[in-house]
All heavy atoms as atom14 arrays in JSON, in Angstrom:
{
  "sequence": "ARAALVSAVAGAETPTEIAELAVRAFVALVLDHPEAGRVLLLA",
  "atom14_mask": [
    [1, 1, 1, 1, 1, 0, 0, 0, 0, 0, 0, 0, 0, 0],
    [1, 1, 1, 1, 1, 1, 1, 1, 1, 1, 1, 0, 0, 0],
    [1, 1, 1, 1, 1, 0, 0, 0, 0, 0, 0, 0, 0, 0],
    [1, 1, 1, 1, 1, 0, 0, 0, 0, 0, 0, 0, 0, 0],
    [1, 1, 1, 1, 1, 1, 1, 1, 0, 0, 0, 0, 0, 0],
    [1, 1, 1, 1, 1, 1, 1, 0, 0, 0, 0, 0, 0, 0],
    [1, 1, 1, 1, 1, 1, 0, 0, 0, 0, 0, 0, 0, 0],
    [1, 1, 1, 1, 1, 0, 0, 0, 0, 0, 0, 0, 0, 0],
    [1, 1, 1, 1, 1, 1, 1, 0, 0, 0, 0, 0, 0, 0],
    [1, 1, 1, 1, 1, 0, 0, 0, 0, 0, 0, 0, 0, 0],
    [1, 1, 1, 1, 0, 0, 0, 0, 0, 0, 0, 0, 0, 0],
    [1, 1, 1, 1, 1, 0, 0, 0, 0, 0, 0, 0, 0, 0],
    [1, 1, 1, 1, 1, 1, 1, 1, 1, 0, 0, 0, 0, 0],
    [1, 1, 1, 1, 1, 1, 1, 0, 0, 0, 0, 0, 0, 0],
    [1, 1, 1, 1, 1, 1, 1, 0, 0, 0, 0, 0, 0, 0],
    [1, 1, 1, 1, 1, 1, 1, 0, 0, 0, 0, 0, 0, 0],
    [1, 1, 1, 1, 1, 1, 1, 1, 1, 0, 0, 0, 0, 0],
    [1, 1, 1, 1, 1, 1, 1, 1, 0, 0, 0, 0, 0, 0],
    [1, 1, 1, 1, 1, 0, 0, 0, 0, 0, 0, 0, 0, 0],
    [1, 1, 1, 1, 1, 1, 1, 1, 1, 0, 0, 0, 0, 0],
    [1, 1, 1, 1, 1, 1, 1, 1, 0, 0, 0, 0, 0, 0],
    [1, 1, 1, 1, 1, 0, 0, 0, 0, 0, 0, 0, 0, 0],
    [1, 1, 1, 1, 1, 1, 1, 0, 0, 0, 0, 0, 0, 0],
    [1, 1, 1, 1, 1, 1, 1, 1, 1, 1, 1, 0, 0, 0],
    [1, 1, 1, 1, 1, 0, 0, 0, 0, 0, 0, 0, 0, 0],
    [1, 1, 1, 1, 1, 1, 1, 1, 1, 1, 1, 0, 0, 0],
    [1, 1, 1, 1, 1, 1, 1, 0, 0, 0, 0, 0, 0, 0],
    [1, 1, 1, 1, 1, 0, 0, 0, 0, 0, 0, 0, 0, 0],
    [1, 1, 1, 1, 1, 1, 1, 1, 0, 0, 0, 0, 0, 0],
    [1, 1, 1, 1, 1, 1, 1, 0, 0, 0, 0, 0, 0, 0],
    [1, 1, 1, 1, 1, 1, 1, 1, 0, 0, 0, 0, 0, 0],
    [1, 1, 1, 1, 1, 1, 1, 1, 0, 0, 0, 0, 0, 0],
    [1, 1, 1, 1, 1, 1, 1, 1, 1, 1, 0, 0, 0, 0],
    [1, 1, 1, 1, 1, 1, 1, 0, 0, 0, 0, 0, 0, 0],
    [1, 1, 1, 1, 1, 1, 1, 1, 1, 0, 0, 0, 0, 0],
    [1, 1, 1, 1, 1, 0, 0, 0, 0, 0, 0, 0, 0, 0],
    [1, 1, 1, 1, 0, 0, 0, 0, 0, 0, 0, 0, 0, 0],
    [1, 1, 1, 1, 1, 1, 1, 1, 1, 1, 1, 0, 0, 0],
    [1, 1, 1, 1, 1, 1, 1, 0, 0, 0, 0, 0, 0, 0],
    [1, 1, 1, 1, 1, 1, 1, 1, 0, 0, 0, 0, 0, 0],
    [1, 1, 1, 1, 1, 1, 1, 1, 0, 0, 0, 0, 0, 0],
    [1, 1, 1, 1, 1, 1, 1, 1, 0, 0, 0, 0, 0, 0],
    [1, 1, 1, 1, 1, 0, 0, 0, 0, 0, 0, 0, 0, 0]
  ],
  "atom14_positions": [
    [[0.83, -1.2, 0.0], [0.0, 0.0, 0.0], [0.86, 1.25, 0.0], [0.63, 2.18, -0.78], [-0.93, 0.0, 1.21], [0.0, 0.0, 0.0], [0.0, 0.0, 0.0], [0.0, 0.0, 0.0], [0.0, 0.0, 0.0], [0.0, 0.0, 0.0], [0.0, 0.0, 0.0], [0.0, 0.0, 0.0], [0.0, 0.0, 0.0], [0.0, 0.0, 0.0]],
    [[1.87, 1.28, 0.86], [2.76, 2.44, 0.92], [3.48, 2.63, -0.41], [3.53, 3.73, -0.96], [3.78, 2.27, 2.05], [4.56, 3.54, 2.36], [5.86, 3.24, 3.09], [6.77, 2.42, 2.31], [7.48, 2.84, 1.26], [7.37, 4.07, 0.85], [8.29, 2.02, 0.63], [0.0, 0.0, 0.0], [0.0, 0.0, 0.0], [0.0, 0.0, 0.0]],
    [[3.99, 1.55, -0.98], [4.71, 1.63, -2.26], [3.78, 2.07, -3.39], [4.19, 2.84, -4.26], [5.35, 0.28, -2.59], [0.0, 0.0, 0.0], [0.0, 0.0, 0.0], [0.0, 0.0, 0.0], [0.0, 0.0, 0.0], [0.0, 0.0, 0.0], [0.0, 0.0, 0.0], [0.0, 0.0, 0.0], [0.0, 0.0, 0.0], [0.0, 0.0, 0.0]],
    [[2.54, 1.59, -3.38], [1.58, 1.98, -4.41], [1.3, 3.48, -4.35], [1.22, 4.15, -5.39], [0.28, 1.19, -4.27], [0.0, 0.0, 0.0], [0.0, 0.0, 0.0], [0.0, 0.0, 0.0], [0.0, 0.0, 0.0], [0.0, 0.0, 0.0], [0.0, 0.0, 0.0], [0.0, 0.0, 0.0], [0.0, 0.0, 0.0], [0.0, 0.0, 0.0]],
    [[1.16, 4.01, -3.15], [0.91, 5.44, -3.0], [2.12, 6.26, -3.43], [1.98, 7.25, -4.16], [0.53, 5.77, -1.56], [-0.83, 5.25, -1.1], [-1.01, 5.49, 0.38], [-1.94, 5.9, -1.89], [0.0, 0.0, 0.0], [0.0, 0.0, 0.0], [0.0, 0.0, 0.0], [0.0, 0.0, 0.0], [0.0, 0.0, 0.0], [0.0, 0.0, 0.0]],
    [[3.29, 5.87, -3.01], [4.51, 6.6, -3.38], [4.71, 6.55, -4.89], [5.0, 7.56, -5.53], [5.73, 6.04, -2.62], [7.03, 6.59, -3.18], [5.61, 6.35, -1.14], [0.0, 0.0, 0.0], [0.0, 0.0, 0.0], [0.0, 0.0, 0.0], [0.0, 0.0, 0.0], [0.0, 0.0, 0.0], [0.0, 0.0, 0.0], [0.0, 0.0, 0.0]],
    [[4.52, 5.38, -5.47], [4.68, 5.22, -6.92], [3.64, 6.03, -7.69], [3.95, 6.64, -8.71], [4.57, 3.74, -7.28], [4.59, 3.57, -8.67], [0.0, 0.0, 0.0], [0.0, 0.0, 0.0], [0.0, 0.0, 0.0], [0.0, 0.0, 0.0], [0.0, 0.0, 0.0], [0.0, 0.0, 0.0], [0.0, 0.0, 0.0], [0.0, 0.0, 0.0]],
    [[2.43, 6.05, -7.2], [1.34, 6.76, -7.89], [1.61, 8.25, -7.99], [1.26, 8.87, -8.99], [0.01, 6.5, -7.18], [0.0, 0.0, 0.0], [0.0, 0.0, 0.0], [0.0, 0.0, 0.0], [0.0, 0.0, 0.0], [0.0, 0.0, 0.0], [0.0, 0.0, 0.0], [0.0, 0.0, 0.0], [0.0, 0.0, 0.0], [0.0, 0.0, 0.0]],
    [[2.2, 8.81, -6.97], [2.39, 10.26, -6.96], [3.76, 10.68, -7.52], [4.01, 11.88, -7.67], [2.18, 10.87, -5.55], [0.79, 10.57, -5.05], [3.23, 10.4, -4.57], [0.0, 0.0, 0.0], [0.0, 0.0, 0.0], [0.0, 0.0, 0.0], [0.0, 0.0, 0.0], [0.0, 0.0, 0.0], [0.0, 0.0, 0.0], [0.0, 0.0, 0.0]],
    [[4.61, 9.73, -7.84], [5.92, 10.06, -8.39], [5.72, 10.8, -9.71], [4.99, 10.35, -10.58], [6.75, 8.8, -8.6], [0.0, 0.0, 0.0], [0.0, 0.0, 0.0], [0.0, 0.0, 0.0], [0.0, 0.0, 0.0], [0.0, 0.0, 0.0], [0.0, 0.0, 0.0], [0.0, 0.0, 0.0], [0.0, 0.0, 0.0], [0.0, 0.0, 0.0]],
    [[6.34, 11.92, -9.82], [6.23, 12.69, -11.05], [5.07, 13.67, -11.08], [5.01, 14.53, -11.95], [0.0, 0.0, 0.0], [0.0, 0.0, 0.0], [0.0, 0.0, 0.0], [0.0, 0.0, 0.0], [0.0, 0.0, 0.0], [0.0, 0.0, 0.0], [0.0, 0.0, 0.0], [0.0, 0.0, 0.0], [0.0, 0.0, 0.0], [0.0, 0.0, 0.0]],
    [[4.15, 13.53, -10.14], [3.04, 14.49, -10.08], [3.59, 15.83, -9.61], [4.51, 15.88, -8.8], [1.96, 13.99, -9.13], [0.0, 0.0, 0.0], [0.0, 0.0, 0.0], [0.0, 0.0, 0.0], [0.0, 0.0, 0.0], [0.0, 0.0, 0.0], [0.0, 0.0, 0.0], [0.0, 0.0, 0.0], [0.0, 0.0, 0.0], [0.0, 0.0, 0.0]],
    [[3.0, 16.91, -10.12], [3.58, 18.22, -9.84], [2.74, 19.1, -8.94], [3.28, 19.86, -8.14], [3.88, 18.93, -11.15], [4.93, 18.19, -11.96], [5.22, 18.84, -13.3], [4.75, 19.96, -13.54], [5.93, 18.2, -14.09], [0.0, 0.0, 0.0], [0.0, 0.0, 0.0], [0.0, 0.0, 0.0], [0.0, 0.0, 0.0], [0.0, 0.0, 0.0]],
    [[1.45, 19.02, -9.05], [0.6, 19.91, -8.25], [-0.02, 19.14, -7.1], [-0.22, 17.93, -7.2], [-0.52, 20.53, -9.11], [-1.43, 19.48, -9.49], [0.03, 21.22, -10.34], [0.0, 0.0, 0.0], [0.0, 0.0, 0.0], [0.0, 0.0, 0.0], [0.0, 0.0, 0.0], [0.0, 0.0, 0.0], [0.0, 0.0, 0.0], [0.0, 0.0, 0.0]],
    [[-0.37, 19.82, -6.01], [-1.03, 19.14, -4.9], [-2.33, 18.46, -5.34], [-2.64, 17.36, -4.87], [-1.3, 20.27, -3.9], [-0.26, 21.29, -4.19], [-0.03, 21.22, -5.67], [0.0, 0.0, 0.0], [0.0, 0.0, 0.0], [0.0, 0.0, 0.0], [0.0, 0.0, 0.0], [0.0, 0.0, 0.0], [0.0, 0.0, 0.0], [0.0, 0.0, 0.0]],
    [[-3.06, 19.08, -6.24], [-4.31, 18.48, -6.73], [-4.04, 17.18, -7.47], [-4.73, 16.18, -7.26], [-5.06, 19.48, -7.64], [-5.31, 20.66, -6.9], [-6.36, 18.9, -8.15], [0.0, 0.0, 0.0], [0.0, 0.0, 0.0], [0.0, 0.0, 0.0], [0.0, 0.0, 0.0], [0.0, 0.0, 0.0], [0.0, 0.0, 0.0], [0.0, 0.0, 0.0]],
    [[-3.03, 17.19, -8.32], [-2.67, 15.99, -9.07], [-2.18, 14.89, -8.12], [-2.55, 13.72, -8.26], [-1.57, 16.35, -10.08], [-1.22, 15.23, -11.02], [-0.1, 15.62, -11.99], [0.55, 16.67, -11.81], [0.12, 14.84, -12.93], [0.0, 0.0, 0.0], [0.0, 0.0, 0.0], [0.0, 0.0, 0.0], [0.0, 0.0, 0.0], [0.0, 0.0, 0.0]],
    [[-1.37, 15.27, -7.16], [-0.85, 14.3, -6.18], [-2.01, 13.66, -5.41], [-2.07, 12.44, -5.26], [0.14, 14.98, -5.21], [1.42, 15.34, -5.97], [0.46, 14.08, -4.03], [2.36, 16.27, -5.21], [0.0, 0.0, 0.0], [0.0, 0.0, 0.0], [0.0, 0.0, 0.0], [0.0, 0.0, 0.0], [0.0, 0.0, 0.0], [0.0, 0.0, 0.0]],
    [[-2.94, 14.49, -4.94], [-4.08, 13.98, -4.17], [-4.9, 13.02, -5.0], [-5.27, 11.93, -4.54], [-4.93, 15.15, -3.68], [0.0, 0.0, 0.0], [0.0, 0.0, 0.0], [0.0, 0.0, 0.0], [0.0, 0.0, 0.0], [0.0, 0.0, 0.0], [0.0, 0.0, 0.0], [0.0, 0.0, 0.0], [0.0, 0.0, 0.0], [0.0, 0.0, 0.0]],
    [[-5.21, 13.4, -6.24], [-6.05, 12.52, -7.06], [-5.36, 11.2, -7.35], [-5.97, 10.13, -7.25], [-6.44, 13.2, -8.37], [-7.3, 12.28, -9.2], [-8.19, 12.98, -10.2], [-8.22, 14.22, -10.23], [-8.86, 12.26, -10.94], [0.0, 0.0, 0.0], [0.0, 0.0, 0.0], [0.0, 0.0, 0.0], [0.0, 0.0, 0.0], [0.0, 0.0, 0.0]],
    [[-4.09, 11.25, -7.69], [-3.36, 10.01, -7.99], [-3.27, 9.11, -6.75], [-3.42, 7.89, -6.85], [-1.98, 10.34, -8.53], [-1.95, 10.98, -9.91], [-0.54, 11.45, -10.26], [-2.47, 10.03, -10.97], [0.0, 0.0, 0.0], [0.0, 0.0, 0.0], [0.0, 0.0, 0.0], [0.0, 0.0, 0.0], [0.0, 0.0, 0.0], [0.0, 0.0, 0.0]],
    [[-3.02, 9.71, -5.59], [-2.92, 8.92, -4.36], [-4.27, 8.29, -4.0], [-4.33, 7.1, -3.66], [-2.42, 9.8, -3.21], [0.0, 0.0, 0.0], [0.0, 0.0, 0.0], [0.0, 0.0, 0.0], [0.0, 0.0, 0.0], [0.0, 0.0, 0.0], [0.0, 0.0, 0.0], [0.0, 0.0, 0.0], [0.0, 0.0, 0.0], [0.0, 0.0, 0.0]],
    [[-5.34, 9.07, -4.1], [-6.67, 8.52, -3.78], [-7.02, 7.4, -4.75], [-7.48, 6.33, -4.34], [-7.74, 9.63, -3.79], [-9.15, 9.04, -3.8], [-7.56, 10.54, -2.58], [0.0, 0.0, 0.0], [0.0, 0.0, 0.0], [0.0, 0.0, 0.0], [0.0, 0.0, 0.0], [0.0, 0.0, 0.0], [0.0, 0.0, 0.0], [0.0, 0.0, 0.0]],
    [[-6.8, 7.62, -6.02], [-7.11, 6.57, -7.02], [-6.28, 5.31, -6.78], [-6.79, 4.2, -6.92], [-6.93, 7.11, -8.43], [-8.01, 8.08, -8.82], [-8.0, 8.44, -10.3], [-9.07, 9.37, -10.6], [-10.34, 9.04, -10.78], [-10.71, 7.78, -10.7], [-11.25, 9.96, -11.03], [0.0, 0.0, 0.0], [0.0, 0.0, 0.0], [0.0, 0.0, 0.0]],
    [[-5.03, 5.47, -6.4], [-4.18, 4.3, -6.12], [-4.7, 3.53, -4.91], [-4.76, 2.29, -4.93], [-2.74, 4.74, -5.89], [0.0, 0.0, 0.0], [0.0, 0.0, 0.0], [0.0, 0.0, 0.0], [0.0, 0.0, 0.0], [0.0, 0.0, 0.0], [0.0, 0.0, 0.0], [0.0, 0.0, 0.0], [0.0, 0.0, 0.0], [0.0, 0.0, 0.0]],
    [[-5.1, 4.25, -3.87], [-5.6, 3.56, -2.68], [-6.96, 2.92, -2.94], [-7.21, 1.8, -2.5], [-5.67, 4.51, -1.48], [-5.75, 3.77, -0.18], [-4.62, 3.17, 0.36], [-6.95, 3.64, 0.49], [-4.68, 2.46, 1.55], [-7.02, 2.93, 1.69], [-5.89, 2.34, 2.21], [0.0, 0.0, 0.0], [0.0, 0.0, 0.0], [0.0, 0.0, 0.0]],
    [[-7.81, 3.61, -3.69], [-9.11, 3.03, -4.06], [-8.89, 1.76, -4.87], [-9.54, 0.74, -4.63], [-9.98, 4.05, -4.83], [-11.16, 3.38, -5.5], [-10.46, 5.14, -3.88], [0.0, 0.0, 0.0], [0.0, 0.0, 0.0], [0.0, 0.0, 0.0], [0.0, 0.0, 0.0], [0.0, 0.0, 0.0], [0.0, 0.0, 0.0], [0.0, 0.0, 0.0]],
    [[-7.96, 1.8, -5.81], [-7.67, 0.6, -6.61], [-7.18, -0.54, -5.72], [-7.62, -1.68, -5.89], [-6.63, 0.93, -7.68], [0.0, 0.0, 0.0], [0.0, 0.0, 0.0], [0.0, 0.0, 0.0], [0.0, 0.0, 0.0], [0.0, 0.0, 0.0], [0.0, 0.0, 0.0], [0.0, 0.0, 0.0], [0.0, 0.0, 0.0], [0.0, 0.0, 0.0]],
    [[-6.32, -0.23, -4.78], [-5.82, -1.27, -3.88], [-6.96, -1.91, -3.09], [-7.07, -3.12, -3.02], [-4.78, -0.7, -2.91], [-4.28, -1.68, -1.85], [-3.27, -2.63, -2.46], [-3.67, -0.96, -0.68], [0.0, 0.0, 0.0], [0.0, 0.0, 0.0], [0.0, 0.0, 0.0], [0.0, 0.0, 0.0], [0.0, 0.0, 0.0], [0.0, 0.0, 0.0]],
    [[-7.82, -1.08, -2.53], [-8.87, -1.58, -1.64], [-10.04, -2.19, -2.42], [-10.53, -3.26, -2.06], [-9.37, -0.45, -0.71], [-10.58, -0.87, 0.08], [-8.25, -0.03, 0.23], [0.0, 0.0, 0.0], [0.0, 0.0, 0.0], [0.0, 0.0, 0.0], [0.0, 0.0, 0.0], [0.0, 0.0, 0.0], [0.0, 0.0, 0.0], [0.0, 0.0, 0.0]],
    [[-10.48, -1.54, -3.49], [-11.66, -2.02, -4.21], [-11.35, -3.12, -5.22], [-12.13, -4.06, -5.38], [-12.37, -0.87, -4.92], [-13.36, -0.07, -4.07], [-12.74, 0.53, -2.84], [-14.03, 1.0, -4.9], [0.0, 0.0, 0.0], [0.0, 0.0, 0.0], [0.0, 0.0, 0.0], [0.0, 0.0, 0.0], [0.0, 0.0, 0.0], [0.0, 0.0, 0.0]],
    [[-10.21, -3.02, -5.88], [-9.85, -4.04, -6.87], [-9.27, -5.28, -6.22], [-9.26, -6.35, -6.83], [-8.86, -3.48, -7.89], [-9.47, -2.35, -8.73], [-10.71, -2.22, -8.75], [-8.69, -1.61, -9.36], [0.0, 0.0, 0.0], [0.0, 0.0, 0.0], [0.0, 0.0, 0.0], [0.0, 0.0, 0.0], [0.0, 0.0, 0.0], [0.0, 0.0, 0.0]],
    [[-8.76, -5.14, -5.02], [-8.19, -6.26, -4.27], [-8.77, -6.21, -2.85], [-8.04, -5.9, -1.9], [-6.66, -6.16, -4.25], [-6.05, -6.03, -5.6], [-5.91, -7.1, -6.45], [-5.6, -4.95, -6.27], [-5.38, -6.68, -7.59], [-5.18, -5.38, -7.5], [0.0, 0.0, 0.0], [0.0, 0.0, 0.0], [0.0, 0.0, 0.0], [0.0, 0.0, 0.0]],
    [[-10.05, -6.52, -2.7], [-10.67, -6.36, -1.39], [-10.02, -7.19, -0.29], [-10.03, -6.8, 0.87], [-12.13, -6.76, -1.61], [-12.16, -7.49, -2.9], [-10.99, -7.01, -3.7], [0.0, 0.0, 0.0], [0.0, 0.0, 0.0], [0.0, 0.0, 0.0], [0.0, 0.0, 0.0], [0.0, 0.0, 0.0], [0.0, 0.0, 0.0], [0.0, 0.0, 0.0]],
    [[-9.41, -8.33, -0.67], [-8.72, -9.12, 0.36], [-7.59, -8.3, 0.97], [-7.41, -8.28, 2.17], [-8.15, -10.42, -0.24], [-9.19, -11.37, -0.75], [-9.67, -11.04, -2.16], [-9.08, -10.16, -2.83], [-10.66, -11.66, -2.59], [0.0, 0.0, 0.0], [0.0, 0.0, 0.0], [0.0, 0.0, 0.0], [0.0, 0.0, 0.0], [0.0, 0.0, 0.0]],
    [[-6.82, -7.61, 0.11], [-5.72, -6.77, 0.61], [-6.28, -5.62, 1.44], [-5.73, -5.27, 2.49], [-4.88, -6.23, -0.55], [0.0, 0.0, 0.0], [0.0, 0.0, 0.0], [0.0, 0.0, 0.0], [0.0, 0.0, 0.0], [0.0, 0.0, 0.0], [0.0, 0.0, 0.0], [0.0, 0.0, 0.0], [0.0, 0.0, 0.0], [0.0, 0.0, 0.0]],
    [[-7.39, -5.03, 0.99], [-8.02, -3.96, 1.76], [-8.47, -4.43, 3.13], [-8.27, -3.75, 4.14], [0.0, 0.0, 0.0], [0.0, 0.0, 0.0], [0.0, 0.0, 0.0], [0.0, 0.0, 0.0], [0.0, 0.0, 0.0], [0.0, 0.0, 0.0], [0.0, 0.0, 0.0], [0.0, 0.0, 0.0], [0.0, 0.0, 0.0], [0.0, 0.0, 0.0]],
    [[-9.05, -5.64, 3.17], [-9.49, -6.18, 4.47], [-8.3, -6.5, 5.37], [-8.37, -6.31, 6.58], [-10.38, -7.4, 4.26], [-11.78, -7.05, 3.77], [-12.72, -8.24, 3.77], [-12.42, -9.21, 2.75], [-12.94, -9.2, 1.52], [-13.79, -8.26, 1.16], [-12.63, -10.14, 0.66], [0.0, 0.0, 0.0], [0.0, 0.0, 0.0], [0.0, 0.0, 0.0]],
    [[-7.2, -6.97, 4.78], [-6.0, -7.22, 5.59], [-5.52, -5.91, 6.2], [-5.25, -5.83, 7.4], [-4.86, -7.87, 4.75], [-3.53, -7.83, 5.5], [-5.23, -9.3, 4.37], [0.0, 0.0, 0.0], [0.0, 0.0, 0.0], [0.0, 0.0, 0.0], [0.0, 0.0, 0.0], [0.0, 0.0, 0.0], [0.0, 0.0, 0.0], [0.0, 0.0, 0.0]],
    [[-5.45, -4.89, 5.4], [-4.91, -3.61, 5.84], [-5.8, -2.92, 6.86], [-5.32, -2.4, 7.87], [-4.71, -2.7, 4.62], [-3.91, -1.45, 4.81], [-2.49, -1.75, 5.26], [-3.89, -0.65, 3.52], [0.0, 0.0, 0.0], [0.0, 0.0, 0.0], [0.0, 0.0, 0.0], [0.0, 0.0, 0.0], [0.0, 0.0, 0.0], [0.0, 0.0, 0.0]],
    [[-7.11, -2.93, 6.62], [-8.01, -2.12, 7.43], [-8.84, -2.88, 8.46], [-9.16, -2.34, 9.52], [-8.95, -1.34, 6.5], [-8.25, -0.41, 5.52], [-9.24, 0.15, 4.51], [-7.52, 0.7, 6.23], [0.0, 0.0, 0.0], [0.0, 0.0, 0.0], [0.0, 0.0, 0.0], [0.0, 0.0, 0.0], [0.0, 0.0, 0.0], [0.0, 0.0, 0.0]],
    [[-9.22, -4.11, 8.15], [-10.08, -4.86, 9.08], [-9.34, -5.88, 9.93], [-9.71, -6.11, 11.08], [-11.2, -5.56, 8.3], [-12.19, -4.64, 7.6], [-13.18, -5.45, 6.76], [-12.94, -3.8, 8.61], [0.0, 0.0, 0.0], [0.0, 0.0, 0.0], [0.0, 0.0, 0.0], [0.0, 0.0, 0.0], [0.0, 0.0, 0.0], [0.0, 0.0, 0.0]],
    [[-8.31, -6.5, 9.37], [-7.6, -7.54, 10.12], [-7.06, -7.06, 11.46], [-7.14, -7.79, 12.45], [-6.5, -8.17, 9.27], [0.0, 0.0, 0.0], [0.0, 0.0, 0.0], [0.0, 0.0, 0.0], [0.0, 0.0, 0.0], [0.0, 0.0, 0.0], [0.0, 0.0, 0.0], [0.0, 0.0, 0.0], [0.0, 0.0, 0.0], [0.0, 0.0, 0.0]]
  ]
}
């Protein structure tokens, strides 16, 4: 999760761009891989 967020925002220049890329990366992690999301947040 940490690596996905750092990678997602690499190269982004504005705070708005950084925020959107980070949110989309975390949403992808949690929604596209709910098992990983449950490990991270519910376990």
